[in-house]
Each structure stands twice: as C-alpha cells, then as structure tokens.
C-alpha cells in the first residue's frame, strides 16, 4: 500500500531538464514557512535537499501533520491543475533547497514540448495515488499499524541498513 520509492521524482531526463530550466531555486531555513493553508497557489515545488512538512490546522487550532517529504519529492501539484487556495501549509524542517515551477512556466514548457504532457499527467497521477493510499491508511488502519507504517516511511536508512529518524515525539504525533 505505501510506496518506499515515493521520494523519487519519476521523470525522464528530458522532462527533468525542461522543468529545471523553467524553475526558480529557493532556499529555506529550519522552521521557515514556504506557504500557509489558503494562500494563493500558483506553483509546484520539487525538493532538492532537506525535508518539508505539510500540515493543516484543525478546528480548534491544533496542527495536524499530513506528511514529511524528503529530497527528491514534489508537492503543491494541485496548483498545476487548478490555481486557487493552498490546501495545506508547508514548512522546512531543516535547511532545504527547492525548485519552484510556476503554473505559467509549466504551461510554457508543455506548449513547447507537447510530447511531455503525458509524462506530466502520469507524474500527477502517481502523486494522487500516494495521497489516496495515505487517506486509506488514516481511515482504515488501527493506530499501531498507522504508526509503524509512518515510522518506516519517515525513517532514513544508512548504508549499513540501520534506520534513523530526526523528528521529535510531538512531530511524530502530529503525523499519526
């Protein structure tokens, strides 16, 4: 159900070059907010280095962590299909380097490279599949299984195969 390789952006070298050429580099410091829920959305972000936390605020003002995305992942893809308000907030958990691709820049890339449209749709479809899998976990799995899956997903593995996790207990609780 969960995708261990979700952090890899599954694009061809041609797509990667086209997107990189059209994107703008951004650097964030730890705990720096990239955008807030309900901000106007007009770009997608690709994480080159670092970790980005996606979260929402509940009715009582409690932060609910949706995900922590590692280098290689992307987020904000709804803006590519329908610019409008952001559905979550994004904050750097550590020094992070991102590429920002605006809605207009993506459409220019696809206008000049129409053969890349199918690949872009597959990329967005893969992300939607991942989000649906997460929703199913939240709704259908008991807490111990959700916690175990979340810890496996968030852990980074050293060359020797030993896992490490750089989140506090409260950050993990927000995500489970």
Protein backbone atom coordinates (compact mmCIF):
# COMPACT_ATOMS: atom_id res chain seq x y z
CA UNK A 1 0.00 0.00 0.00
CA UNK A 2 2.76 2.50 0.74
CA UNK A 3 5.44 3.38 -1.76
CA UNK A 4 9.00 3.23 -0.43
CA UNK A 5 10.18 4.97 -3.59
CA UNK A 6 7.77 7.90 -3.34
CA UNK A 7 10.65 10.32 -2.78
CA UNK A 8 11.97 9.74 -6.28
CA UNK A 9 10.58 12.02 -8.95
CA UNK A 10 9.87 9.52 -11.74
CA UNK A 11 10.64 11.70 -14.76
CA UNK A 12 12.69 11.27 -17.88
CA UNK A 13 15.96 13.18 -18.29
CA UNK A 14 14.23 15.37 -20.90
CA UNK A 15 11.39 16.24 -18.51
CA UNK A 16 13.82 16.88 -15.65
CA UNK A 17 15.90 19.25 -17.85
CA UNK A 18 12.82 21.12 -19.12
CA UNK A 19 11.40 21.59 -15.61
CA UNK A 20 14.75 22.58 -14.10
CA UNK A 21 15.33 25.19 -16.81
CA UNK A 22 11.90 26.73 -16.17
CA UNK A 23 12.08 26.63 -12.35
CA UNK A 24 13.37 29.07 -9.74
CA UNK A 25 15.67 27.94 -6.90
CA UNK A 26 14.54 28.62 -3.31
CA UNK A 27 16.39 28.08 -0.03
CA UNK A 28 14.61 27.70 3.31
CA UNK A 29 15.96 27.67 6.86
CA UNK A 30 14.68 25.28 9.56
CA UNK A 31 11.09 26.11 10.63
CA UNK A 32 10.73 28.62 7.78
CA UNK A 33 7.26 28.58 6.22
CA UNK A 34 7.07 28.34 2.45
CA UNK A 35 3.31 28.92 2.28
CA UNK A 36 0.25 28.74 4.51
CA UNK A 37 -3.01 26.91 4.02
CA UNK A 38 -5.39 29.09 1.93
CA UNK A 39 -2.55 31.16 0.37
CA UNK A 40 -2.98 31.58 -3.36
CA UNK A 41 -1.43 28.59 -5.17
CA UNK A 42 0.36 29.14 -8.44
CA UNK A 43 3.40 26.82 -8.31
CA UNK A 44 4.61 23.29 -7.62
CA UNK A 45 7.79 22.61 -5.63
CA UNK A 46 10.50 19.99 -6.06
CA UNK A 47 12.68 19.24 -3.02
CA UNK A 48 16.35 19.02 -3.91
CA UNK A 49 17.66 18.86 -0.32
CA UNK A 50 16.08 18.80 3.12
CA UNK A 51 12.66 17.82 4.45
CA UNK A 52 9.37 19.70 4.13
CA UNK A 53 6.42 19.17 6.47
CA UNK A 54 2.91 19.55 5.08
CA UNK A 55 0.21 20.30 7.66
CA UNK A 56 -3.25 21.74 8.21
CA UNK A 57 -4.91 23.41 11.20
CA UNK A 58 -7.84 21.64 12.82
CA UNK A 59 -10.98 23.43 14.03
CA UNK A 60 -9.51 24.01 17.48
CA UNK A 61 -6.27 25.38 16.02
CA UNK A 62 -4.33 22.14 16.53
CA UNK A 63 -1.75 21.41 13.85
CA UNK A 64 -2.29 18.14 12.01
CA UNK A 65 0.74 16.86 10.15
CA UNK A 66 -0.08 15.39 6.76
CA UNK A 67 3.36 14.32 5.63
CA UNK A 68 7.08 14.94 5.78
CA UNK A 69 8.59 14.90 2.31
CA UNK A 70 12.30 14.20 1.69
CA UNK A 71 14.68 15.38 -1.00
CA UNK A 72 13.50 14.15 -4.39
CA UNK A 73 9.79 14.56 -3.62
CA UNK A 74 7.44 17.18 -5.00
CA UNK A 75 4.34 18.89 -3.63
CA UNK A 76 1.82 21.60 -4.46
CA UNK A 77 0.75 19.79 -7.61
CA UNK A 78 -2.88 20.89 -7.28
CA UNK A 79 -1.71 24.34 -8.42
CA UNK A 80 -0.71 22.82 -11.76
CA UNK A 81 -4.27 21.70 -12.40
CA UNK A 82 -6.30 24.36 -10.63
CA UNK A 83 -4.64 27.50 -9.26
CA UNK A 84 -6.55 28.57 -6.17
CA UNK A 85 -6.09 28.40 -2.41
CA UNK A 86 -3.47 26.06 -0.93
CA UNK A 87 -4.94 23.02 0.82
CA UNK A 88 -2.12 22.80 3.39
CA UNK A 89 0.84 24.69 4.84
CA UNK A 90 4.46 23.84 4.00
CA UNK A 91 7.40 24.37 6.37
CA UNK A 92 11.06 23.37 6.19
CA UNK A 93 12.19 21.07 8.99
CA UNK A 94 15.87 21.71 8.18
CA UNK A 95 17.94 23.72 5.72
CA UNK A 96 16.24 22.93 2.44
CA UNK A 97 16.75 23.67 -1.23
CA UNK A 98 13.74 23.61 -3.57
CA UNK A 99 12.85 24.33 -7.15
CA UNK A 100 9.64 26.31 -7.70
CA UNK A 101 7.83 25.80 -11.00
CA UNK A 102 5.03 28.28 -11.61
CA UNK A 103 1.76 27.39 -13.29
CA UNK A 104 2.66 29.72 -16.19
CA UNK A 105 6.17 28.25 -16.56
CA UNK A 106 4.84 24.69 -16.64
CA UNK A 107 2.32 25.58 -19.31
CA UNK A 108 5.10 27.19 -21.40
CA UNK A 109 7.20 24.01 -21.03
CA UNK A 110 4.26 21.87 -22.18
CA UNK A 111 3.38 24.28 -25.01
CA UNK A 112 6.90 23.96 -26.45
CA UNK A 113 7.21 20.24 -25.57
CA UNK A 114 3.69 18.81 -26.00
CA UNK A 115 5.07 15.25 -26.02
CA UNK A 116 5.85 15.73 -22.28
CA UNK A 117 2.16 16.23 -21.37
CA UNK A 118 1.51 12.51 -20.91
CA UNK A 119 4.54 12.20 -18.64
CA UNK A 120 3.34 15.16 -16.55
CA UNK A 121 -0.10 13.58 -16.21
CA UNK A 122 1.49 10.29 -15.05
CA UNK A 123 3.58 12.21 -12.50
CA UNK A 124 0.50 13.92 -11.07
CA UNK A 125 -1.41 10.62 -11.15
CA UNK A 126 1.35 8.93 -9.15
CA UNK A 127 1.12 11.68 -6.53
CA UNK A 128 -2.68 11.35 -6.39
CA UNK A 129 -2.33 7.59 -5.90
CA UNK A 130 0.07 8.20 -3.00
CA UNK A 131 -2.33 10.68 -1.37
CA UNK A 132 -5.23 8.22 -1.75
CA UNK A 133 -3.12 5.49 -0.12
CA UNK A 134 -2.40 7.82 2.79
CA UNK A 135 -6.09 8.62 3.21
CA UNK A 136 -6.91 4.91 3.25
CA UNK A 137 -4.30 4.36 5.97
CA UNK A 138 -5.77 7.18 8.10
CA UNK A 139 -9.30 5.90 7.70
CA UNK A 140 -8.87 2.12 7.76
CA UNK A 141 -5.80 1.15 9.77
CA UNK A 142 -5.65 0.94 13.56
CA UNK A 143 -3.20 3.29 15.29
CA UNK A 144 -0.37 0.76 15.84
CA UNK A 145 -0.26 -0.12 12.13
CA UNK A 146 -0.51 3.55 11.10
CA UNK A 147 2.36 4.40 13.44
CA UNK A 148 4.53 1.55 12.16
CA UNK A 149 3.95 2.49 8.52
CA UNK A 150 4.56 6.18 9.21
CA UNK A 151 7.82 5.45 11.04
CA UNK A 152 9.04 3.26 8.18
CA UNK A 153 8.09 5.92 5.65
CA UNK A 154 9.83 8.71 7.59
CA UNK A 155 12.98 6.81 8.51
CA UNK A 156 16.16 7.26 6.55
CA UNK A 157 18.37 4.23 6.19
CA UNK A 158 22.16 4.29 6.43
CA UNK A 159 24.38 2.22 4.14
CA UNK A 160 24.50 -0.46 6.85
CA UNK A 161 20.69 -0.65 6.80
CA UNK A 162 20.14 0.94 10.22
CA UNK A 163 17.22 3.38 10.35
CA UNK A 164 17.29 6.87 11.85
CA UNK A 165 14.51 9.37 12.45
CA UNK A 166 15.07 13.08 13.06
CA UNK A 167 11.64 14.08 14.37
CA UNK A 168 10.51 14.86 17.90
CA UNK A 169 7.79 12.82 19.60
CA UNK A 170 5.30 15.68 19.15
CA UNK A 171 6.14 15.96 15.44
CA UNK A 172 5.55 12.23 15.02
CA UNK A 173 2.27 12.51 16.96
CA UNK A 174 1.11 15.31 14.64
CA UNK A 175 1.70 12.98 11.69
CA UNK A 176 -0.09 9.92 13.10
